[in-house]
């Protein structure tokens, strides 16, 4: 089944003010690349080539300038303006025509994953309703928390509970079949006045069509909601790249490895980059 991708890169980014006074959070640098490169890389590595970016009226032109139509990476990028932050689940309403009857993988623009992505590819392949992920954390009360039984069947989902029923937080990465649009349209705003992604998950749970896949130790999930998180994520990416000599989220390299573009197209794209360490790395890839 073909899977579409959505990156939700809206929100006000108030916790990062004054950094976000001019540019949105997802345009802030994580080491040597804009933050949005990292979720874009995840979708591309999962084999997804049709991607919708949803952002604010002020920032959408910046994303269009940064990413373009995606042709240089062999993908199709489109954009939607979210006039007011209305919750994560509202993304599916904005993506109605884009999704159609296809499966959709939604990733939040401030979520960074590093490691082998077999867990995501497998989940996309096996999804029959809704699939969420569980990631063990020390502070689950700061996140949505999933509880499951001994058969890994979801029992409950709670948003930022004071007494979490498990240590497994739900990262900002979700897979749903095309009926998610209808579910989102029938939601009522929660206490925050937004359409909550938790309510979407609960509807699939009610229909007995919600699965949870655990993300194991080999995967790092980095949150980027605070200034401390930003510098920690940048330090992590820098350390890995320096040790391995390989860039994380180099979209040109990923496009080549995934056969989204030919070697000739890769060279053509790289030559047009300005002189910088990113270009030097891409030139080394050619060698």
C-alpha atoms as a PDB file:
ATOM      1  CA  UNK A   1       0.000   0.000   0.000  1.00  0.00           C
ATOM      2  CA  UNK A   2       1.297   3.455  -0.892  1.00  0.00           C
ATOM      3  CA  UNK A   3       2.022   5.594   2.150  1.00  0.00           C
ATOM      4  CA  UNK A   4       1.939   9.381   2.219  1.00  0.00           C
ATOM      5  CA  UNK A   5       3.975  11.432   4.684  1.00  0.00           C
ATOM      6  CA  UNK A   6       3.066  14.535   6.664  1.00  0.00           C
ATOM      7  CA  UNK A   7       5.453  16.762   8.613  1.00  0.00           C
ATOM      8  CA  UNK A   8       3.657  19.029  11.069  1.00  0.00           C
ATOM      9  CA  UNK A   9       5.918  22.042  11.494  1.00  0.00           C
ATOM     10  CA  UNK A  10       3.502  24.575  12.964  1.00  0.00           C
ATOM     11  CA  UNK A  11       3.013  25.772  16.503  1.00  0.00           C
ATOM     12  CA  UNK A  12       4.224  28.922  18.198  1.00  0.00           C
ATOM     13  CA  UNK A  13       7.449  27.586  19.730  1.00  0.00           C
ATOM     14  CA  UNK A  14       6.982  29.725  22.838  1.00  0.00           C
ATOM     15  CA  UNK A  15       9.315  27.602  24.973  1.00  0.00           C
ATOM     16  CA  UNK A  16      12.191  28.533  22.655  1.00  0.00           C
ATOM     17  CA  UNK A  17      11.511  32.296  22.613  1.00  0.00           C
ATOM     18  CA  UNK A  18      13.298  34.566  21.649  1.00  0.00           C
ATOM     19  CA  UNK A  19      14.909  32.122  19.152  1.00  0.00           C
ATOM     20  CA  UNK A  20      11.491  31.588  17.592  1.00  0.00           C
ATOM     21  CA  UNK A  21      10.539  35.258  17.373  1.00  0.00           C
ATOM     22  CA  UNK A  22      11.510  35.332  13.679  1.00  0.00           C
ATOM     23  CA  UNK A  23      11.897  31.690  12.563  1.00  0.00           C
ATOM     24  CA  UNK A  24       9.865  28.697  13.673  1.00  0.00           C
ATOM     25  CA  UNK A  25      11.326  25.990  15.868  1.00  0.00           C
ATOM     26  CA  UNK A  26      11.667  23.532  12.984  1.00  0.00           C
ATOM     27  CA  UNK A  27      13.970  25.959  11.133  1.00  0.00           C
ATOM     28  CA  UNK A  28      16.385  26.185  14.070  1.00  0.00           C
ATOM     29  CA  UNK A  29      19.711  24.388  13.556  1.00  0.00           C
ATOM     30  CA  UNK A  30      20.425  20.977  15.016  1.00  0.00           C
ATOM     31  CA  UNK A  31      24.215  20.984  14.685  1.00  0.00           C
ATOM     32  CA  UNK A  32      24.729  21.680  10.965  1.00  0.00           C
ATOM     33  CA  UNK A  33      21.259  21.271   9.452  1.00  0.00           C
ATOM     34  CA  UNK A  34      17.805  22.801   9.929  1.00  0.00           C
ATOM     35  CA  UNK A  35      15.703  20.736  12.332  1.00  0.00           C
ATOM     36  CA  UNK A  36      13.162  19.817   9.646  1.00  0.00           C
ATOM     37  CA  UNK A  37      15.848  17.892   7.717  1.00  0.00           C
ATOM     38  CA  UNK A  38      15.747  15.168  10.381  1.00  0.00           C
ATOM     39  CA  UNK A  39      12.031  14.221  10.182  1.00  0.00           C
ATOM     40  CA  UNK A  40      12.268  14.606   6.390  1.00  0.00           C
ATOM     41  CA  UNK A  41      15.112  12.078   6.417  1.00  0.00           C
ATOM     42  CA  UNK A  42      13.042   9.625   8.484  1.00  0.00           C
ATOM     43  CA  UNK A  43      10.169   9.672   5.990  1.00  0.00           C
ATOM     44  CA  UNK A  44      12.537   9.308   3.043  1.00  0.00           C
ATOM     45  CA  UNK A  45      14.389   6.404   4.688  1.00  0.00           C
ATOM     46  CA  UNK A  46      10.999   4.747   5.212  1.00  0.00           C
ATOM     47  CA  UNK A  47      10.531   4.873   1.428  1.00  0.00           C
ATOM     48  CA  UNK A  48       7.985   7.715   1.425  1.00  0.00           C
ATOM     49  CA  UNK A  49       8.212  10.105  -1.529  1.00  0.00           C
ATOM     50  CA  UNK A  50       4.954  12.104  -1.288  1.00  0.00           C
ATOM     51  CA  UNK A  51       5.263  14.497   1.640  1.00  0.00           C
ATOM     52  CA  UNK A  52       3.071  17.354   2.866  1.00  0.00           C
ATOM     53  CA  UNK A  53       4.562  20.067   5.091  1.00  0.00           C
ATOM     54  CA  UNK A  54       2.044  21.905   7.278  1.00  0.00           C
ATOM     55  CA  UNK A  55       3.118  25.164   8.901  1.00  0.00           C
ATOM     56  CA  UNK A  56       2.079  28.690   9.822  1.00  0.00           C
ATOM     57  CA  UNK A  57       1.275  31.518   7.373  1.00  0.00           C
ATOM     58  CA  UNK A  58       4.550  33.232   8.340  1.00  0.00           C
ATOM     59  CA  UNK A  59       6.811  30.190   8.055  1.00  0.00           C
ATOM     60  CA  UNK A  60       5.396  28.269   5.087  1.00  0.00           C
ATOM     61  CA  UNK A  61       7.216  30.543   2.577  1.00  0.00           C
ATOM     62  CA  UNK A  62      10.475  29.826   4.450  1.00  0.00           C
ATOM     63  CA  UNK A  63       9.965  26.077   4.106  1.00  0.00           C
ATOM     64  CA  UNK A  64       9.164  26.476   0.422  1.00  0.00           C
ATOM     65  CA  UNK A  65      12.383  28.463  -0.012  1.00  0.00           C
ATOM     66  CA  UNK A  66      14.414  25.881   1.927  1.00  0.00           C
ATOM     67  CA  UNK A  67      12.944  22.672   0.499  1.00  0.00           C
ATOM     68  CA  UNK A  68      11.325  23.612  -2.803  1.00  0.00           C
ATOM     69  CA  UNK A  69       9.260  20.985  -4.595  1.00  0.00           C
ATOM     70  CA  UNK A  70      11.583  18.171  -3.547  1.00  0.00           C
ATOM     71  CA  UNK A  71      12.597  17.259  -7.106  1.00  0.00           C
ATOM     72  CA  UNK A  72      16.327  17.450  -6.320  1.00  0.00           C
ATOM     73  CA  UNK A  73      15.756  14.607  -3.828  1.00  0.00           C
ATOM     74  CA  UNK A  74      13.365  12.658  -6.058  1.00  0.00           C
ATOM     75  CA  UNK A  75      10.363  13.360  -3.846  1.00  0.00           C
ATOM     76  CA  UNK A  76       7.145  15.379  -4.192  1.00  0.00           C
ATOM     77  CA  UNK A  77       6.735  18.125  -1.604  1.00  0.00           C
ATOM     78  CA  UNK A  78       3.551  20.113  -1.120  1.00  0.00           C
ATOM     79  CA  UNK A  79       2.546  22.650   1.513  1.00  0.00           C
ATOM     80  CA  UNK A  80      -0.490  23.633   3.554  1.00  0.00           C
ATOM     81  CA  UNK A  81      -0.934  26.675   5.762  1.00  0.00           C
ATOM     82  CA  UNK A  82      -2.346  26.065   9.247  1.00  0.00           C
ATOM     83  CA  UNK A  83      -3.892  29.409  10.109  1.00  0.00           C
ATOM     84  CA  UNK A  84      -4.001  28.759  13.869  1.00  0.00           C
ATOM     85  CA  UNK A  85      -2.454  25.965  15.949  1.00  0.00           C
ATOM     86  CA  UNK A  86      -5.428  23.615  16.309  1.00  0.00           C
ATOM     87  CA  UNK A  87      -3.748  20.454  17.553  1.00  0.00           C
ATOM     88  CA  UNK A  88      -1.829  17.593  15.973  1.00  0.00           C
ATOM     89  CA  UNK A  89      -4.994  15.817  14.817  1.00  0.00           C
ATOM     90  CA  UNK A  90      -5.971  18.867  12.751  1.00  0.00           C
ATOM     91  CA  UNK A  91      -3.122  17.954  10.379  1.00  0.00           C
ATOM     92  CA  UNK A  92      -5.266  15.155   8.958  1.00  0.00           C
ATOM     93  CA  UNK A  93      -8.053  17.606   8.119  1.00  0.00           C
ATOM     94  CA  UNK A  94      -5.613  19.913   6.351  1.00  0.00           C
ATOM     95  CA  UNK A  95      -4.233  16.855   4.569  1.00  0.00           C
ATOM     96  CA  UNK A  96      -7.643  15.549   3.444  1.00  0.00           C
ATOM     97  CA  UNK A  97      -7.074  15.840  -0.330  1.00  0.00           C
ATOM     98  CA  UNK A  98      -3.403  14.926  -0.007  1.00  0.00           C
ATOM     99  CA  UNK A  99      -4.123  11.712   1.914  1.00  0.00           C
ATOM    100  CA  UNK A 100      -7.121  10.589  -0.136  1.00  0.00           C
ATOM    101  CA  UNK A 101      -7.653   6.909   0.669  1.00  0.00           C
ATOM    102  CA  UNK A 102      -3.956   6.208   1.215  1.00  0.00           C
ATOM    103  CA  UNK A 103      -2.172   5.302   4.429  1.00  0.00           C
ATOM    104  CA  UNK A 104      -0.389   8.219   6.101  1.00  0.00           C
ATOM    105  CA  UNK A 105       2.668   8.499   8.336  1.00  0.00           C
ATOM    106  CA  UNK A 106       2.688  11.703  10.392  1.00  0.00           C
ATOM    107  CA  UNK A 107       5.859  12.922  12.069  1.00  0.00           C
ATOM    108  CA  UNK A 108       6.191  16.053  14.149  1.00  0.00           C
ATOM    109  CA  UNK A 109       8.771  18.461  12.802  1.00  0.00           C
ATOM    110  CA  UNK A 110      10.651  18.603  16.108  1.00  0.00           C
ATOM    111  CA  UNK A 111      11.105  14.854  16.549  1.00  0.00           C
ATOM    112  CA  UNK A 112      14.513  13.361  15.770  1.00  0.00           C
ATOM    113  CA  UNK A 113      15.211   9.622  15.551  1.00  0.00           C
ATOM    114  CA  UNK A 114      18.612   8.056  15.075  1.00  0.00           C
ATOM    115  CA  UNK A 115      19.289   4.388  14.432  1.00  0.00           C
ATOM    116  CA  UNK A 116      18.115   1.494  12.297  1.00  0.00           C
ATOM    117  CA  UNK A 117      14.586   2.196  11.047  1.00  0.00           C
ATOM    118  CA  UNK A 118      13.420  -1.383  10.533  1.00  0.00           C
ATOM    119  CA  UNK A 119      10.811  -0.796  13.246  1.00  0.00           C
ATOM    120  CA  UNK A 120       9.180   1.930  11.150  1.00  0.00           C
ATOM    121  CA  UNK A 121       9.330   0.107   7.817  1.00  0.00           C
ATOM    122  CA  UNK A 122       7.806  -2.981   9.440  1.00  0.00           C
ATOM    123  CA  UNK A 123       5.038  -0.934  11.075  1.00  0.00           C
ATOM    124  CA  UNK A 124       4.173   0.777   7.768  1.00  0.00           C
ATOM    125  CA  UNK A 125       4.013  -2.583   6.036  1.00  0.00           C
ATOM    126  CA  UNK A 126       1.847  -4.231   8.718  1.00  0.00           C
ATOM    127  CA  UNK A 127      -0.473  -1.400   9.724  1.00  0.00           C
ATOM    128  CA  UNK A 128      -4.195  -2.179   9.431  1.00  0.00           C
ATOM    129  CA  UNK A 129      -5.637   0.787  11.322  1.00  0.00           C
ATOM    130  CA  UNK A 130      -3.479   2.840  13.627  1.00  0.00           C
ATOM    131  CA  UNK A 131       0.078   2.206  14.800  1.00  0.00           C
ATOM    132  CA  UNK A 132       1.819   4.168  17.519  1.00  0.00           C
ATOM    133  CA  UNK A 133       5.233   3.639  19.076  1.00  0.00           C
ATOM    134  CA  UNK A 134       6.359   3.172  22.651  1.00  0.00           C
ATOM    135  CA  UNK A 135       9.712   4.495  23.853  1.00  0.00           C
ATOM    136  CA  UNK A 136      10.933   3.883  27.407  1.00  0.00           C
ATOM    137  CA  UNK A 137      11.720   7.153  29.225  1.00  0.00           C
ATOM    138  CA  UNK A 138      12.561   8.233  32.763  1.00  0.00           C
ATOM    139  CA  UNK A 139       9.903  10.980  32.843  1.00  0.00           C
ATOM    140  CA  UNK A 140       6.784   9.509  31.185  1.00  0.00           C
ATOM    141  CA  UNK A 141       4.481  12.050  32.866  1.00  0.00           C
ATOM    142  CA  UNK A 142       5.830  14.653  30.416  1.00  0.00           C
ATOM    143  CA  UNK A 143       4.390  12.764  27.433  1.00  0.00           C
ATOM    144  CA  UNK A 144       1.470  10.754  26.187  1.00  0.00           C
ATOM    145  CA  UNK A 145       1.801   7.340  27.829  1.00  0.00           C
ATOM    146  CA  UNK A 146       0.687   3.966  26.446  1.00  0.00           C
ATOM    147  CA  UNK A 147      -0.252   1.001  28.634  1.00  0.00           C
ATOM    148  CA  UNK A 148      -0.420  -2.516  27.198  1.00  0.00           C
ATOM    149  CA  UNK A 149      -0.971  -6.085  28.366  1.00  0.00           C
ATOM    150  CA  UNK A 150       1.329  -9.114  28.185  1.00  0.00           C
ATOM    151  CA  UNK A 151       0.363  -9.609  24.515  1.00  0.00           C
ATOM    152  CA  UNK A 152       1.445  -6.041  23.683  1.00  0.00           C
ATOM    153  CA  UNK A 153      -2.178  -5.042  23.087  1.00  0.00           C
ATOM    154  CA  UNK A 154      -2.980  -1.429  23.963  1.00  0.00           C
ATOM    155  CA  UNK A 155      -5.103  -1.067  27.104  1.00  0.00           C
ATOM    156  CA  UNK A 156      -5.021   2.677  27.679  1.00  0.00           C
ATOM    157  CA  UNK A 157      -3.513   5.958  26.504  1.00  0.00           C
ATOM    158  CA  UNK A 158      -3.168   8.976  28.750  1.00  0.00           C
ATOM    159  CA  UNK A 159      -1.827  12.434  27.977  1.00  0.00           C
ATOM    160  CA  UNK A 160       0.785  13.610  30.510  1.00  0.00           C
ATOM    161  CA  UNK A 161      -0.601  11.565  33.444  1.00  0.00           C
ATOM    162  CA  UNK A 162       0.453  12.424  36.984  1.00  0.00           C
ATOM    163  CA  UNK A 163       0.730   8.713  37.765  1.00  0.00           C
ATOM    164  CA  UNK A 164       1.837   6.971  34.541  1.00  0.00           C
ATOM    165  CA  UNK A 165       0.737   3.357  34.071  1.00  0.00           C
ATOM    166  CA  UNK A 166       3.915   2.526  32.162  1.00  0.00           C
ATOM    167  CA  UNK A 167       7.326   3.999  31.290  1.00  0.00           C
ATOM    168  CA  UNK A 168       6.518   4.045  27.597  1.00  0.00           C
ATOM    169  CA  UNK A 169       6.043   7.491  26.072  1.00  0.00           C
ATOM    170  CA  UNK A 170       4.460   7.922  22.651  1.00  0.00           C
ATOM    171  CA  UNK A 171       6.836   9.792  20.289  1.00  0.00           C
ATOM    172  CA  UNK A 172       5.535  12.158  17.631  1.00  0.00           C
ATOM    173  CA  UNK A 173       5.422   9.481  14.932  1.00  0.00           C
ATOM    174  CA  UNK A 174       2.120   7.888  13.921  1.00  0.00           C
ATOM    175  CA  UNK A 175       0.759   5.674  11.133  1.00  0.00           C
ATOM    176  CA  UNK A 176      -2.939   5.613  10.205  1.00  0.00           C
ATOM    177  CA  UNK A 177      -5.090   4.276   7.408  1.00  0.00           C
ATOM    178  CA  UNK A 178      -6.993   6.792   5.252  1.00  0.00           C
ATOM    179  CA  UNK A 179     -10.072   6.766   7.507  1.00  0.00           C
ATOM    180  CA  UNK A 180      -8.117   8.943   9.947  1.00  0.00           C
ATOM    181  CA  UNK A 181      -9.408  12.012   8.082  1.00  0.00           C
ATOM    182  CA  UNK A 182     -13.015  11.173   8.924  1.00  0.00           C
ATOM    183  CA  UNK A 183     -12.065  10.438  12.525  1.00  0.00           C
ATOM    184  CA  UNK A 184     -10.302  13.796  12.856  1.00  0.00           C
ATOM    185  CA  UNK A 185     -13.254  15.662  11.365  1.00  0.00           C
ATOM    186  CA  UNK A 186     -15.577  14.157  13.988  1.00  0.00           C
ATOM    187  CA  UNK A 187     -13.409  15.091  16.964  1.00  0.00           C
ATOM    188  CA  UNK A 188     -14.374  17.738  19.473  1.00  0.00           C
ATOM    189  CA  UNK A 189     -11.693  20.067  20.827  1.00  0.00           C
ATOM    190  CA  UNK A 190     -10.141  18.963  24.109  1.00  0.00           C
ATOM    191  CA  UNK A 191      -9.535  21.068  27.247  1.00  0.00           C
ATOM    192  CA  UNK A 192      -6.795  23.008  25.433  1.00  0.00           C
ATOM    193  CA  UNK A 193      -9.207  23.940  22.645  1.00  0.00           C
ATOM    194  CA  UNK A 194      -7.335  21.730  20.179  1.00  0.00           C
ATOM    195  CA  UNK A 195      -8.017  18.486  18.313  1.00  0.00           C
ATOM    196  CA  UNK A 196      -5.937  16.003  20.296  1.00  0.00           C
ATOM    197  CA  UNK A 197      -3.961  13.190  18.674  1.00  0.00           C
ATOM    198  CA  UNK A 198      -4.725  11.136  21.788  1.00  0.00           C
ATOM    199  CA  UNK A 199      -8.420  11.167  20.857  1.00  0.00           C
ATOM    200  CA  UNK A 200      -7.581   9.815  17.387  1.00  0.00           C
ATOM    201  CA  UNK A 201      -5.619   6.982  18.981  1.00  0.00           C
ATOM    202  CA  UNK A 202      -8.441   6.259  21.416  1.00  0.00           C
ATOM    203  CA  UNK A 203     -10.923   5.983  18.527  1.00  0.00           C
ATOM    204  CA  UNK A 204      -8.740   3.351  16.843  1.00  0.00           C
ATOM    205  CA  UNK A 205      -8.411   1.616  20.219  1.00  0.00           C
ATOM    206  CA  UNK A 206     -12.189   1.591  20.552  1.00  0.00           C
ATOM    207  CA  UNK A 207     -12.391  -0.016  17.096  1.00  0.00           C
ATOM    208  CA  UNK A 208      -9.755  -2.579  18.180  1.00  0.00           C
ATOM    209  CA  UNK A 209      -7.486  -1.367  15.395  1.00  0.00           C
ATOM    210  CA  UNK A 210      -4.673   0.262  17.357  1.00  0.00           C
ATOM    211  CA  UNK A 211      -1.244  -1.371  17.658  1.00  0.00           C
ATOM    212  CA  UNK A 212       1.842  -0.318  19.573  1.00  0.00           C
ATOM    213  CA  UNK A 213       5.364  -1.096  18.386  1.00  0.00           C
ATOM    214  CA  UNK A 214       8.163  -0.720  20.910  1.00  0.00           C
ATOM    215  CA  UNK A 215      11.259   1.179  19.866  1.00  0.00           C
ATOM    216  CA  UNK A 216      14.249  -0.693  21.227  1.00  0.00           C
ATOM    217  CA  UNK A 217      17.586   0.349  22.684  1.00  0.00           C
ATOM    218  CA  UNK A 218      19.248   0.766  19.303  1.00  0.00           C
ATOM    219  CA  UNK A 219      17.183   3.847  18.501  1.00  0.00           C
ATOM    220  CA  UNK A 220      17.693   7.312  19.966  1.00  0.00           C
ATOM    221  CA  UNK A 221      14.620   9.560  20.159  1.00  0.00           C
ATOM    222  CA  UNK A 222      15.555  13.177  20.778  1.00  0.00           C
ATOM    223  CA  UNK A 223      13.101  15.776  22.004  1.00  0.00           C
ATOM    224  CA  UNK A 224      13.822  19.378  20.984  1.00  0.00           C
ATOM    225  CA  UNK A 225      11.264  21.369  22.951  1.00  0.00           C
ATOM    226  CA  UNK A 226      13.603  23.429  25.132  1.00  0.00           C
ATOM    227  CA  UNK A 227      16.936  25.259  24.661  1.00  0.00           C
ATOM    228  CA  UNK A 228      18.629  22.486  26.684  1.00  0.00           C
ATOM    229  CA  UNK A 229      17.089  19.846  24.399  1.00  0.00           C
ATOM    230  CA  UNK A 230      18.357  21.720  21.335  1.00  0.00           C
ATOM    231  CA  UNK A 231      21.955  21.827  22.461  1.00  0.00           C
ATOM    232  CA  UNK A 232      21.820  18.198  23.656  1.00  0.00           C
ATOM    233  CA  UNK A 233      20.493  17.090  20.253  1.00  0.00           C
ATOM    234  CA  UNK A 234      23.166  19.112  18.436  1.00  0.00           C
ATOM    235  CA  UNK A 235      25.899  17.651  20.641  1.00  0.00           C
ATOM    236  CA  UNK A 236      24.593  14.123  20.018  1.00  0.00           C
ATOM    237  CA  UNK A 237      24.477  14.576  16.223  1.00  0.00           C
ATOM    238  CA  UNK A 238      27.932  16.176  16.191  1.00  0.00           C
ATOM    239  CA  UNK A 239      29.436  13.331  18.234  1.00  0.00           C
ATOM    240  CA  UNK A 240      27.996  10.617  15.977  1.00  0.00           C
ATOM    241  CA  UNK A 241      29.006  12.385  12.758  1.00  0.00           C
ATOM    242  CA  UNK A 242      32.507  13.078  14.009  1.00  0.00           C
ATOM    243  CA  UNK A 243      33.028   9.484  15.150  1.00  0.00           C
ATOM    244  CA  UNK A 244      31.549   7.783  12.088  1.00  0.00           C
ATOM    245  CA  UNK A 245      32.507  10.263   9.387  1.00  0.00           C
ATOM    246  CA  UNK A 246      28.938   9.985   8.055  1.00  0.00           C
ATOM    247  CA  UNK A 247      26.342  12.741   8.074  1.00  0.00           C
ATOM    248  CA  UNK A 248      22.936  12.173   9.643  1.00  0.00           C
ATOM    249  CA  UNK A 249      19.979  13.459   7.595  1.00  0.00           C
ATOM    250  CA  UNK A 250      21.950  14.384   4.478  1.00  0.00           C
ATOM    251  CA  UNK A 251      18.937  14.400   2.165  1.00  0.00           C
ATOM    252  CA  UNK A 252      20.992  14.235  -1.027  1.00  0.00           C
ATOM    253  CA  UNK A 253      22.812  11.112   0.162  1.00  0.00           C
ATOM    254  CA  UNK A 254      19.566   9.485   1.329  1.00  0.00           C
ATOM    255  CA  UNK A 255      17.903  10.201  -2.027  1.00  0.00           C
ATOM    256  CA  UNK A 256      20.814   8.486  -3.785  1.00  0.00           C
ATOM    257  CA  UNK A 257      20.873   5.489  -1.428  1.00  0.00           C
ATOM    258  CA  UNK A 258      17.094   5.017  -1.714  1.00  0.00           C
ATOM    259  CA  UNK A 259      17.328   5.199  -5.530  1.00  0.00           C
ATOM    260  CA  UNK A 260      15.027   8.213  -5.586  1.00  0.00           C
ATOM    261  CA  UNK A 261      17.563   9.907  -7.868  1.00  0.00           C
ATOM    262  CA  UNK A 262      20.298   8.766 -10.242  1.00  0.00           C
ATOM    263  CA  UNK A 263      24.001   9.306  -9.659  1.00  0.00           C
ATOM    264  CA  UNK A 264      23.932  11.932 -12.415  1.00  0.00           C
ATOM    265  CA  UNK A 265      21.104  13.823 -10.678  1.00  0.00           C
ATOM    266  CA  UNK A 266      22.984  13.609  -7.383  1.00  0.00           C
ATOM    267  CA  UNK A 267      26.113  15.120  -8.938  1.00  0.00           C
ATOM    268  CA  UNK A 268      24.071  17.834 -10.666  1.00  0.00           C
ATOM    269  CA  UNK A 269      22.430  18.775  -7.369  1.00  0.00           C
ATOM    270  CA  UNK A 270      25.616  18.730  -5.306  1.00  0.00           C
ATOM    271  CA  UNK A 271      27.576  20.888  -7.763  1.00  0.00           C
ATOM    272  CA  UNK A 272      24.956  23.615  -7.322  1.00  0.00           C
ATOM    273  CA  UNK A 273      25.410  23.735  -3.546  1.00  0.00           C
ATOM    274  CA  UNK A 274      27.421  26.658  -2.153  1.00  0.00           C
ATOM    275  CA  UNK A 275      30.938  25.913  -0.931  1.00  0.00           C
ATOM    276  CA  UNK A 276      30.564  24.515   2.584  1.00  0.00           C
ATOM    277  CA  UNK A 277      31.359  21.412   4.648  1.00  0.00           C
ATOM    278  CA  UNK A 278      27.961  19.929   3.659  1.00  0.00           C
ATOM    279  CA  UNK A 279      28.929  20.154  -0.030  1.00  0.00           C
ATOM    280  CA  UNK A 280      32.380  18.714   0.716  1.00  0.00           C
ATOM    281  CA  UNK A 281      30.726  15.722   2.370  1.00  0.00           C
ATOM    282  CA  UNK A 282      28.430  15.156  -0.616  1.00  0.00           C
ATOM    283  CA  UNK A 283      31.411  15.309  -2.952  1.00  0.00           C
ATOM    284  CA  UNK A 284      33.088  12.633  -0.834  1.00  0.00           C
ATOM    285  CA  UNK A 285      29.953  10.493  -1.230  1.00  0.00           C
ATOM    286  CA  UNK A 286      30.430  10.614  -4.994  1.00  0.00           C
ATOM    287  CA  UNK A 287      33.993   9.351  -4.609  1.00  0.00           C
END
